[in-house]
Amino acid sequence: TRERIRQIENKALRKLKYHESRTRKLRDFLD
């Protein structure tokens, strides 16, 4: 169903944003 697709997309987006923030922090730490 469309609702299930939305849930999966939200999960993926959240994971992506979380990963992005982690890599950004790591980059700041390395620089």
N, C-alpha and C. Protein backbone atom coordinates (compact mmCIF):
# COMPACT_ATOMS: atom_id res chain seq x y z
N THR A 1 0.83 -1.22 0.00
CA THR A 1 0.00 0.00 0.00
C THR A 1 0.86 1.26 0.00
N ARG A 2 0.25 2.37 -0.32
CA ARG A 2 0.98 3.64 -0.38
C ARG A 2 1.53 4.02 0.99
N GLU A 3 0.76 3.72 2.03
CA GLU A 3 1.20 4.05 3.39
C GLU A 3 2.49 3.32 3.72
N ARG A 4 2.58 2.05 3.32
CA ARG A 4 3.78 1.25 3.60
C ARG A 4 4.98 1.85 2.86
N ILE A 5 4.75 2.26 1.62
CA ILE A 5 5.84 2.86 0.84
C ILE A 5 6.33 4.12 1.53
N ARG A 6 5.39 4.91 2.03
CA ARG A 6 5.77 6.16 2.71
C ARG A 6 6.60 5.86 3.95
N GLN A 7 6.20 4.82 4.69
CA GLN A 7 6.95 4.45 5.90
C GLN A 7 8.37 4.06 5.54
N ILE A 8 8.52 3.26 4.48
CA ILE A 8 9.86 2.82 4.06
C ILE A 8 10.69 4.01 3.62
N GLU A 9 10.06 4.93 2.88
CA GLU A 9 10.78 6.12 2.42
C GLU A 9 11.23 6.96 3.60
N ASN A 10 10.36 7.12 4.59
CA ASN A 10 10.71 7.91 5.77
C ASN A 10 11.89 7.28 6.51
N LYS A 11 11.86 5.95 6.60
CA LYS A 11 12.96 5.26 7.27
C LYS A 11 14.27 5.48 6.54
N ALA A 12 14.21 5.35 5.22
CA ALA A 12 15.42 5.52 4.40
C ALA A 12 15.94 6.95 4.52
N LEU A 13 15.03 7.92 4.48
CA LEU A 13 15.43 9.33 4.57
C LEU A 13 16.08 9.62 5.92
N ARG A 14 15.48 9.05 6.97
CA ARG A 14 16.01 9.29 8.30
C ARG A 14 17.42 8.71 8.41
N LYS A 15 17.60 7.52 7.84
CA LYS A 15 18.91 6.88 7.88
C LYS A 15 19.92 7.71 7.12
N LEU A 16 19.49 8.24 5.98
CA LEU A 16 20.38 9.05 5.14
C LEU A 16 20.80 10.31 5.88
N LYS A 17 19.82 10.99 6.48
CA LYS A 17 20.11 12.23 7.21
C LYS A 17 21.03 11.94 8.39
N TYR A 18 20.78 10.84 9.09
CA TYR A 18 21.59 10.48 10.25
C TYR A 18 23.03 10.22 9.80
N HIS A 19 23.18 9.49 8.70
CA HIS A 19 24.51 9.19 8.17
C HIS A 19 25.22 10.47 7.75
N GLU A 20 24.46 11.37 7.14
CA GLU A 20 25.03 12.64 6.68
C GLU A 20 25.59 13.43 7.86
N SER A 21 24.81 13.53 8.92
CA SER A 21 25.24 14.30 10.09
C SER A 21 26.47 13.65 10.72
N ARG A 22 26.51 12.32 10.71
CA ARG A 22 27.67 11.62 11.30
C ARG A 22 28.93 11.89 10.50
N THR A 23 28.82 11.82 9.18
CA THR A 23 30.00 12.04 8.34
C THR A 23 30.45 13.49 8.45
N ARG A 24 29.50 14.41 8.59
CA ARG A 24 29.85 15.82 8.72
C ARG A 24 30.62 16.04 10.02
N LYS A 25 30.16 15.42 11.10
CA LYS A 25 30.85 15.55 12.39
C LYS A 25 32.24 14.97 12.28
N LEU A 26 32.35 13.84 11.61
CA LEU A 26 33.64 13.18 11.44
C LEU A 26 34.59 14.08 10.66
N ARG A 27 34.06 14.71 9.61
CA ARG A 27 34.87 15.60 8.78
C ARG A 27 35.35 16.79 9.61
N ASP A 28 34.46 17.35 10.40
CA ASP A 28 34.84 18.48 11.26
C ASP A 28 35.93 18.05 12.24
N PHE A 29 35.81 16.84 12.72
CA PHE A 29 36.78 16.33 13.68
C PHE A 29 38.15 16.14 13.02
N LEU A 30 38.14 15.66 11.77
CA LEU A 30 39.40 15.40 11.06
C LEU A 30 40.10 16.68 10.64
N ASP A 31 39.33 17.68 10.25
CA ASP A 31 39.93 18.92 9.74
C ASP A 31 40.65 19.73 10.81
